[in-house]
Amino acid sequence: MTNHFKKILGITDENLEILSVEESLLKDKKTLLINARLSPQPKPCRNCGSIVWDSKENKES
């Protein structure tokens, strides 16, 4: 079922696992709240602590 949500949202990352989806009202608008996990989690930079990573670069740097 989670693959259907990923297709609808245009998410192509195979490492993103959707844990739950619920409908809620935010500011009087119907909204989907999606709880997801990225696995494996990216490792922080040894120099600055940033966890942002470019998928084109070596992931184990």
C-alpha atoms as a PDB file:
ATOM      1  CA  MET A   1       0.000   0.000   0.000  1.00  0.00           C
ATOM      2  CA  THR A   2       2.825   2.460   0.758  1.00  0.00           C
ATOM      3  CA  ASN A   3       4.194   2.132  -2.780  1.00  0.00           C
ATOM      4  CA  HIS A   4       0.923   3.561  -4.062  1.00  0.00           C
ATOM      5  CA  PHE A   5       1.375   6.680  -1.916  1.00  0.00           C
ATOM      6  CA  LYS A   6       4.955   7.057  -3.143  1.00  0.00           C
ATOM      7  CA  LYS A   7       3.794   6.853  -6.767  1.00  0.00           C
ATOM      8  CA  ILE A   8       1.029   9.412  -6.198  1.00  0.00           C
ATOM      9  CA  LEU A   9       3.497  11.816  -4.557  1.00  0.00           C
ATOM     10  CA  GLY A  10       6.193  11.206  -7.186  1.00  0.00           C
ATOM     11  CA  ILE A  11       8.693   9.855  -4.649  1.00  0.00           C
ATOM     12  CA  THR A  12      11.345   7.699  -6.318  1.00  0.00           C
ATOM     13  CA  ASP A  13      13.715   7.111  -3.369  1.00  0.00           C
ATOM     14  CA  GLU A  14      13.649   3.390  -2.572  1.00  0.00           C
ATOM     15  CA  ASN A  15      15.149   4.071   0.872  1.00  0.00           C
ATOM     16  CA  LEU A  16      12.096   6.008   2.047  1.00  0.00           C
ATOM     17  CA  GLU A  17       9.666   3.834   3.981  1.00  0.00           C
ATOM     18  CA  ILE A  18       6.200   5.262   4.652  1.00  0.00           C
ATOM     19  CA  LEU A  19       5.154   4.252   8.169  1.00  0.00           C
ATOM     20  CA  SER A  20       1.671   5.767   8.367  1.00  0.00           C
ATOM     21  CA  VAL A  21      -0.716   8.084   6.569  1.00  0.00           C
ATOM     22  CA  GLU A  22      -3.581   9.916   8.253  1.00  0.00           C
ATOM     23  CA  GLU A  23      -6.057  12.559   7.251  1.00  0.00           C
ATOM     24  CA  SER A  24      -6.252  15.714   9.355  1.00  0.00           C
ATOM     25  CA  LEU A  25      -7.536  19.291   9.254  1.00  0.00           C
ATOM     26  CA  LEU A  26      -4.896  22.027   9.279  1.00  0.00           C
ATOM     27  CA  LYS A  27      -6.106  25.621   9.051  1.00  0.00           C
ATOM     28  CA  ASP A  28      -9.526  24.289   7.989  1.00  0.00           C
ATOM     29  CA  LYS A  29      -8.055  22.358   5.026  1.00  0.00           C
ATOM     30  CA  LYS A  30      -8.088  18.591   4.608  1.00  0.00           C
ATOM     31  CA  THR A  31      -4.459  17.432   4.729  1.00  0.00           C
ATOM     32  CA  LEU A  32      -2.607  14.128   4.592  1.00  0.00           C
ATOM     33  CA  LEU A  33       0.017  13.661   7.306  1.00  0.00           C
ATOM     34  CA  ILE A  34       2.669  11.166   6.230  1.00  0.00           C
ATOM     35  CA  ASN A  35       5.096   9.662   8.725  1.00  0.00           C
ATOM     36  CA  ALA A  36       8.149   8.190   6.979  1.00  0.00           C
ATOM     37  CA  ARG A  37      11.658   6.893   7.700  1.00  0.00           C
ATOM     38  CA  LEU A  38      14.802   7.139   5.591  1.00  0.00           C
ATOM     39  CA  SER A  39      16.825   3.970   5.927  1.00  0.00           C
ATOM     40  CA  PRO A  40      19.764   3.778   6.059  1.00  0.00           C
ATOM     41  CA  GLN A  41      20.109   7.166   7.667  1.00  0.00           C
ATOM     42  CA  PRO A  42      22.792   9.390   6.133  1.00  0.00           C
ATOM     43  CA  LYS A  43      25.907   9.832   8.272  1.00  0.00           C
ATOM     44  CA  PRO A  44      26.797  13.375   9.402  1.00  0.00           C
ATOM     45  CA  CYS A  45      29.842  15.123   7.958  1.00  0.00           C
ATOM     46  CA  ARG A  46      32.913  14.659  10.172  1.00  0.00           C
ATOM     47  CA  ASN A  47      33.881  18.321   9.709  1.00  0.00           C
ATOM     48  CA  CYS A  48      30.640  20.275  10.095  1.00  0.00           C
ATOM     49  CA  GLY A  49      28.015  17.768  11.317  1.00  0.00           C
ATOM     50  CA  SER A  50      25.685  18.378   8.352  1.00  0.00           C
ATOM     51  CA  ILE A  51      23.563  15.401   7.297  1.00  0.00           C
ATOM     52  CA  VAL A  52      22.730  16.776   3.844  1.00  0.00           C
ATOM     53  CA  TRP A  53      24.100  14.562   1.109  1.00  0.00           C
ATOM     54  CA  ASP A  54      24.162  14.547  -2.607  1.00  0.00           C
ATOM     55  CA  SER A  55      23.018  11.184  -3.993  1.00  0.00           C
ATOM     56  CA  LYS A  56      25.552  11.567  -6.836  1.00  0.00           C
ATOM     57  CA  GLU A  57      28.493  11.558  -4.424  1.00  0.00           C
ATOM     58  CA  ASN A  58      29.993   8.618  -2.544  1.00  0.00           C
ATOM     59  CA  LYS A  59      27.591   7.810   0.298  1.00  0.00           C
ATOM     60  CA  GLU A  60      30.282   6.328   2.554  1.00  0.00           C
ATOM     61  CA  SER A  61      32.601   9.396   2.533  1.00  0.00           C
END
